[in-house]
Amino acid sequence: MSTKVKITPHGERAILITRSFKAPRELVFAAMSQAEMVGQWLHGPPGWTMTTSEMDLRVGGRYRWVWTNADGREMGMGGTVLDVDPPSLLKTTEQFDDAWYEGEATNTGTLTEENGVTLMSLVVEYESTKARDGVLAGPMASGLDASYDHLDNFLNAKH
């Protein structure tokens, strides 16, 4: 089982992010959608700490995540829940306060489980090919690897 994140272009404006976790999908879904759990593993870049983790897990509900570094600088993002079908689907919008890509993105996450291993497939669709290509050229992979490694450790401790 590969535990590293894979990021590939998906169509004209999207990327596909996949990662496997050796945990039941109900637990993976809860860890990715319940604010108190998200705050325990989604630490952000090194040197940053999650200081706000809010999620109203219903269609039309909003979520908000904020990280703070040692200098007191904040990095925040949030969006709206577009669709939710626990434990298999979560679709949201995403926009950073200080966006490093233009516009808003739509995240469609699906979870499938086989033999105790949950596969996360996350399609992130951007407003343009230019925005998508800019994200692919950036340091996203290393940041996601670190975050999903934290999630893996969190899941292992819970089950």
Protein backbone atom coordinates (compact mmCIF):
# COMPACT_ATOMS: atom_id res chain seq x y z
CA MET A 1 0.00 0.00 0.00
CA SER A 2 1.42 3.36 -1.03
CA THR A 3 0.96 5.92 1.70
CA LYS A 4 2.34 8.88 -0.19
CA VAL A 5 0.10 11.40 -1.82
CA LYS A 6 -0.20 11.36 -5.61
CA ILE A 7 -1.10 14.56 -7.49
CA THR A 8 -1.92 14.44 -11.18
CA PRO A 9 -3.58 16.79 -13.69
CA HIS A 10 -7.25 15.91 -14.21
CA GLY A 11 -8.96 17.40 -17.25
CA GLU A 12 -8.32 21.01 -18.25
CA ARG A 13 -8.71 22.79 -14.89
CA ALA A 14 -8.44 20.19 -12.13
CA ILE A 15 -6.01 18.02 -10.24
CA LEU A 16 -6.59 14.60 -8.73
CA ILE A 17 -5.08 13.93 -5.31
CA THR A 18 -5.07 10.34 -4.03
CA ARG A 19 -3.82 8.85 -0.78
CA SER A 20 -4.52 5.56 1.03
CA PHE A 21 -5.04 5.17 4.76
CA LYS A 22 -5.13 1.90 6.72
CA ALA A 23 -8.30 2.84 8.60
CA PRO A 24 -12.05 2.44 8.15
CA ARG A 25 -13.59 5.07 5.88
CA GLU A 26 -16.05 6.17 8.62
CA LEU A 27 -13.07 7.22 10.74
CA VAL A 28 -11.27 8.84 7.79
CA PHE A 29 -14.43 10.77 6.89
CA ALA A 30 -14.90 11.93 10.48
CA ALA A 31 -11.26 13.03 10.71
CA MET A 32 -11.66 15.08 7.53
CA SER A 33 -15.04 16.61 8.33
CA GLN A 34 -15.38 17.13 12.10
CA ALA A 35 -13.80 20.40 13.21
CA GLU A 36 -12.39 19.04 16.46
CA MET A 37 -10.65 16.21 14.60
CA VAL A 38 -9.40 18.37 11.71
CA GLY A 39 -7.72 20.65 14.25
CA GLN A 40 -5.74 17.70 15.62
CA TRP A 41 -3.98 16.75 12.38
CA LEU A 42 -4.19 19.54 9.76
CA HIS A 43 -1.21 21.50 11.07
CA GLY A 44 -0.29 23.41 7.92
CA PRO A 45 3.29 24.21 6.92
CA PRO A 46 6.14 23.65 9.41
CA GLY A 47 6.12 26.37 12.08
CA TRP A 48 2.37 26.94 11.81
CA THR A 49 -0.39 25.84 14.20
CA MET A 50 -4.09 25.54 13.49
CA THR A 51 -5.84 28.11 15.68
CA THR A 52 -9.35 28.01 14.17
CA SER A 53 -11.16 24.89 13.02
CA GLU A 54 -14.87 25.34 12.30
CA MET A 55 -17.14 23.19 10.14
CA ASP A 56 -20.92 23.21 9.69
CA LEU A 57 -21.27 19.83 7.96
CA ARG A 58 -24.50 20.31 6.00
CA VAL A 59 -25.28 21.48 2.48
CA GLY A 60 -24.95 25.27 2.58
CA GLY A 61 -22.89 25.11 5.79
CA ARG A 62 -19.59 26.95 5.98
CA TYR A 63 -16.15 25.95 7.20
CA ARG A 64 -13.16 28.02 8.29
CA TRP A 65 -9.57 27.05 9.05
CA VAL A 66 -6.87 29.46 10.27
CA TRP A 67 -3.22 28.74 11.02
CA THR A 68 -0.89 31.06 12.98
CA ASN A 69 2.91 31.07 12.98
CA ALA A 70 5.30 32.04 15.79
CA ASP A 71 5.37 35.67 14.55
CA GLY A 72 1.58 35.90 14.88
CA ARG A 73 0.93 35.92 11.13
CA GLU A 74 -2.26 34.19 10.07
CA MET A 75 -3.11 32.10 7.03
CA GLY A 76 -6.81 31.41 6.61
CA MET A 77 -9.16 29.70 4.24
CA GLY A 78 -12.74 28.61 4.09
CA GLY A 79 -15.71 27.83 1.95
CA THR A 80 -19.15 26.31 1.66
CA VAL A 81 -20.33 22.71 1.82
CA LEU A 82 -21.93 21.90 -1.55
CA ASP A 83 -22.73 18.21 -0.98
CA VAL A 84 -22.19 15.71 1.81
CA ASP A 85 -22.93 11.98 1.98
CA PRO A 86 -21.11 10.43 4.97
CA PRO A 87 -18.87 8.45 4.88
CA SER A 88 -18.23 8.57 1.15
CA LEU A 89 -18.55 12.13 -0.23
CA LEU A 90 -17.70 15.68 0.78
CA LYS A 91 -17.84 18.49 -1.79
CA THR A 92 -16.85 22.03 -0.80
CA THR A 93 -15.65 25.31 -2.21
CA GLU A 94 -12.21 26.58 -1.16
CA GLN A 95 -10.80 30.09 -1.04
CA PHE A 96 -7.72 31.34 0.79
CA ASP A 97 -7.76 34.77 2.47
CA ASP A 98 -4.50 35.65 0.72
CA ALA A 99 -5.01 33.49 -2.34
CA TRP A 100 -1.96 32.20 -4.17
CA TYR A 101 -4.12 31.21 -7.13
CA GLU A 102 -6.92 33.17 -8.79
CA GLY A 103 -10.53 32.58 -7.86
CA GLU A 104 -12.17 29.83 -5.92
CA ALA A 105 -11.69 26.07 -6.17
CA THR A 106 -14.20 23.25 -5.80
CA ASN A 107 -13.07 20.15 -3.88
CA THR A 108 -14.87 16.84 -4.44
CA GLY A 109 -13.59 14.20 -2.06
CA THR A 110 -14.65 10.57 -2.20
CA LEU A 111 -13.67 7.73 0.09
CA THR A 112 -13.79 4.04 -0.81
CA GLU A 113 -12.74 1.18 1.45
CA GLU A 114 -11.43 -2.26 0.61
CA ASN A 115 -9.94 -4.75 3.07
CA GLY A 116 -9.54 -2.12 5.80
CA VAL A 117 -7.78 0.38 3.53
CA THR A 118 -9.53 3.63 2.62
CA LEU A 119 -8.65 5.36 -0.63
CA MET A 120 -9.17 9.11 -0.68
CA SER A 121 -9.70 10.61 -4.14
CA LEU A 122 -9.90 14.39 -4.14
CA VAL A 123 -10.61 16.32 -7.33
CA VAL A 124 -9.78 20.01 -6.98
CA GLU A 125 -11.18 22.09 -9.84
CA TYR A 126 -9.88 25.61 -10.38
CA GLU A 127 -11.42 28.51 -12.30
CA SER A 128 -8.79 28.30 -15.04
CA THR A 129 -6.05 26.10 -16.47
CA LYS A 130 -3.58 28.86 -15.52
CA ALA A 131 -4.61 28.63 -11.83
CA ARG A 132 -4.38 24.82 -11.90
CA ASP A 133 -0.94 24.89 -13.55
CA GLY A 134 0.29 27.45 -11.00
CA VAL A 135 -0.76 25.16 -8.16
CA LEU A 136 0.94 22.17 -9.80
CA ALA A 137 4.18 24.20 -10.14
CA GLY A 138 4.18 25.11 -6.44
CA PRO A 139 5.17 23.21 -3.28
CA MET A 140 1.76 21.57 -2.80
CA ALA A 141 3.02 17.95 -2.84
CA SER A 142 5.39 18.30 0.12
CA GLY A 143 2.78 20.17 2.17
CA LEU A 144 0.12 17.57 1.43
CA ASP A 145 2.52 14.72 2.20
CA ALA A 146 3.21 16.22 5.62
CA SER A 147 -0.48 16.88 6.35
CA TYR A 148 -1.61 13.42 5.28
CA ASP A 149 1.23 11.83 7.27
CA HIS A 150 -0.18 13.67 10.32
CA LEU A 151 -3.64 12.34 9.42
CA ASP A 152 -2.25 8.80 9.09
CA ASN A 153 -0.69 9.03 12.56
CA PHE A 154 -3.93 10.46 13.97
CA LEU A 155 -5.95 7.61 12.41
CA ASN A 156 -3.53 4.98 13.71
CA ALA A 157 -3.87 6.36 17.24
CA LYS A 158 -7.69 6.31 17.00
CA HIS A 159 -8.14 2.78 15.70
